[in-house]
Amino acid sequence: MKYELLYIISQDANDEQKEALINKFNAMIEDKGGKILSLEKIGMKKFAYPINFKNEGYYVLVNFEADAAVVDEMTKLMNITEHIVRQIFVRK
C-alpha cells in the first residue's frame, strides 16, 4: 500500500541529529521491504500553536510503499523517539 508520512523534528535537534533521524526512518522502511517513492525536507516552519513549549519545528514529508505492519511499527518507534514532536501517516 502507498502511504504518506509527515513528521516534525524538534527545533532543538542539530543538523546531524536531523539527518540521522531521517536516515533511520528511511532505512527502517527499506529494511522491512518497503520502497521510498519521494522524500521532501520541507524545513523549519512555525506551529499554529505551541507544542511542548516550542513554536517551530523541522518538517519532513515521505511518500512510500510498505505493509501496514511497517506503519504500526514506525508509529510506536516514533512515539518514543527523542526529537520527534509529531507524526501522521496517511494511506493514499
C-alpha atoms as a PDB file:
ATOM      1  CA  MET A   1       0.000   0.000   0.000  1.00  0.00           C
ATOM      2  CA  LYS A   2       1.047   3.586  -0.531  1.00  0.00           C
ATOM      3  CA  TYR A   3       1.422   5.901   2.442  1.00  0.00           C
ATOM      4  CA  GLU A   4       2.349   9.476   3.133  1.00  0.00           C
ATOM      5  CA  LEU A   5       4.241  10.275   6.323  1.00  0.00           C
ATOM      6  CA  LEU A   6       4.667  13.784   7.680  1.00  0.00           C
ATOM      7  CA  TYR A   7       6.760  14.176  10.797  1.00  0.00           C
ATOM      8  CA  ILE A   8       8.180  17.082  12.735  1.00  0.00           C
ATOM      9  CA  ILE A   9      11.648  17.086  14.269  1.00  0.00           C
ATOM     10  CA  SER A  10      12.211  19.326  17.287  1.00  0.00           C
ATOM     11  CA  GLN A  11      13.964  22.649  16.757  1.00  0.00           C
ATOM     12  CA  ASP A  12      16.415  21.563  19.477  1.00  0.00           C
ATOM     13  CA  ALA A  13      17.941  18.881  17.217  1.00  0.00           C
ATOM     14  CA  ASN A  14      21.103  19.896  15.392  1.00  0.00           C
ATOM     15  CA  ASP A  15      21.640  19.202  11.668  1.00  0.00           C
ATOM     16  CA  GLU A  16      23.473  15.919  12.304  1.00  0.00           C
ATOM     17  CA  GLN A  17      20.658  14.647  14.547  1.00  0.00           C
ATOM     18  CA  LYS A  18      18.043  15.628  11.936  1.00  0.00           C
ATOM     19  CA  GLU A  19      19.879  13.754   9.182  1.00  0.00           C
ATOM     20  CA  ALA A  20      20.377  10.736  11.458  1.00  0.00           C
ATOM     21  CA  LEU A  21      16.633  10.593  12.219  1.00  0.00           C
ATOM     22  CA  ILE A  22      15.671  10.954   8.549  1.00  0.00           C
ATOM     23  CA  ASN A  23      18.129   8.208   7.554  1.00  0.00           C
ATOM     24  CA  LYS A  24      16.950   5.973  10.421  1.00  0.00           C
ATOM     25  CA  PHE A  25      13.295   6.090   9.364  1.00  0.00           C
ATOM     26  CA  ASN A  26      14.094   5.725   5.658  1.00  0.00           C
ATOM     27  CA  ALA A  27      16.276   2.698   6.403  1.00  0.00           C
ATOM     28  CA  MET A  28      13.523   1.192   8.539  1.00  0.00           C
ATOM     29  CA  ILE A  29      11.052   1.412   5.649  1.00  0.00           C
ATOM     30  CA  GLU A  30      13.520  -0.163   3.212  1.00  0.00           C
ATOM     31  CA  ASP A  31      14.698  -2.864   5.661  1.00  0.00           C
ATOM     32  CA  LYS A  32      11.099  -4.044   6.095  1.00  0.00           C
ATOM     33  CA  GLY A  33      10.634  -4.468   2.333  1.00  0.00           C
ATOM     34  CA  GLY A  34       9.154  -1.045   1.657  1.00  0.00           C
ATOM     35  CA  LYS A  35      10.061   1.389  -1.071  1.00  0.00           C
ATOM     36  CA  ILE A  36      10.535   5.151  -0.684  1.00  0.00           C
ATOM     37  CA  LEU A  37       8.848   6.982  -3.544  1.00  0.00           C
ATOM     38  CA  SER A  38       9.780  10.538  -2.560  1.00  0.00           C
ATOM     39  CA  LEU A  39      11.364  12.468   0.299  1.00  0.00           C
ATOM     40  CA  GLU A  40      10.893  16.180   0.841  1.00  0.00           C
ATOM     41  CA  LYS A  41      12.718  18.064   3.566  1.00  0.00           C
ATOM     42  CA  ILE A  42      10.332  20.981   3.962  1.00  0.00           C
ATOM     43  CA  GLY A  43      12.417  22.660   6.642  1.00  0.00           C
ATOM     44  CA  MET A  44      11.652  24.857   9.632  1.00  0.00           C
ATOM     45  CA  LYS A  45       8.074  26.098   9.966  1.00  0.00           C
ATOM     46  CA  LYS A  46       6.153  27.829  12.720  1.00  0.00           C
ATOM     47  CA  PHE A  47       3.446  25.857  14.533  1.00  0.00           C
ATOM     48  CA  ALA A  48      -0.136  27.127  14.660  1.00  0.00           C
ATOM     49  CA  TYR A  49       0.083  26.742  18.444  1.00  0.00           C
ATOM     50  CA  PRO A  50       2.911  25.848  20.856  1.00  0.00           C
ATOM     51  CA  ILE A  51       3.726  22.138  21.199  1.00  0.00           C
ATOM     52  CA  ASN A  52       5.747  21.187  24.283  1.00  0.00           C
ATOM     53  CA  PHE A  53       6.538  24.886  24.766  1.00  0.00           C
ATOM     54  CA  LYS A  54       8.134  25.084  21.282  1.00  0.00           C
ATOM     55  CA  ASN A  55       6.939  27.336  18.450  1.00  0.00           C
ATOM     56  CA  GLU A  56       8.579  25.773  15.397  1.00  0.00           C
ATOM     57  CA  GLY A  57       9.945  22.506  14.050  1.00  0.00           C
ATOM     58  CA  TYR A  58      11.623  20.839  11.062  1.00  0.00           C
ATOM     59  CA  TYR A  59       9.076  19.188   8.755  1.00  0.00           C
ATOM     60  CA  VAL A  60       9.811  16.079   6.651  1.00  0.00           C
ATOM     61  CA  LEU A  61       7.381  14.549   4.121  1.00  0.00           C
ATOM     62  CA  VAL A  62       7.896  10.966   2.893  1.00  0.00           C
ATOM     63  CA  ASN A  63       5.819   9.059   0.336  1.00  0.00           C
ATOM     64  CA  PHE A  64       6.415   5.316   0.433  1.00  0.00           C
ATOM     65  CA  GLU A  65       5.024   1.852  -0.259  1.00  0.00           C
ATOM     66  CA  ALA A  66       5.001  -0.722   2.552  1.00  0.00           C
ATOM     67  CA  ASP A  67       2.879  -3.167   4.518  1.00  0.00           C
ATOM     68  CA  ALA A  68       0.543  -1.936   7.243  1.00  0.00           C
ATOM     69  CA  ALA A  69       2.737  -3.688   9.836  1.00  0.00           C
ATOM     70  CA  VAL A  70       5.604  -1.322   8.957  1.00  0.00           C
ATOM     71  CA  VAL A  71       3.385   1.688   9.661  1.00  0.00           C
ATOM     72  CA  ASP A  72       2.346   0.271  13.042  1.00  0.00           C
ATOM     73  CA  GLU A  73       5.954  -0.432  13.998  1.00  0.00           C
ATOM     74  CA  MET A  74       7.143   3.012  12.875  1.00  0.00           C
ATOM     75  CA  THR A  75       4.335   4.732  14.792  1.00  0.00           C
ATOM     76  CA  LYS A  76       5.387   3.001  18.007  1.00  0.00           C
ATOM     77  CA  LEU A  77       9.053   3.849  17.421  1.00  0.00           C
ATOM     78  CA  MET A  78       8.355   7.495  16.574  1.00  0.00           C
ATOM     79  CA  ASN A  79       6.245   7.932  19.711  1.00  0.00           C
ATOM     80  CA  ILE A  80       9.241   7.084  21.902  1.00  0.00           C
ATOM     81  CA  THR A  81      11.988   8.691  19.771  1.00  0.00           C
ATOM     82  CA  GLU A  82      13.593  11.800  21.181  1.00  0.00           C
ATOM     83  CA  HIS A  83      13.242  14.924  18.982  1.00  0.00           C
ATOM     84  CA  ILE A  84      10.117  13.668  17.141  1.00  0.00           C
ATOM     85  CA  VAL A  85       7.396  16.160  18.014  1.00  0.00           C
ATOM     86  CA  ARG A  86       4.506  14.813  15.913  1.00  0.00           C
ATOM     87  CA  GLN A  87       3.887  12.374  13.075  1.00  0.00           C
ATOM     88  CA  ILE A  88       0.964  11.402  10.888  1.00  0.00           C
ATOM     89  CA  PHE A  89       0.584   8.523   8.447  1.00  0.00           C
ATOM     90  CA  VAL A  90      -1.998   8.781   5.667  1.00  0.00           C
ATOM     91  CA  ARG A  91      -2.937   5.888   3.386  1.00  0.00           C
ATOM     92  CA  LYS A  92      -3.121   7.064  -0.220  1.00  0.00           C
END
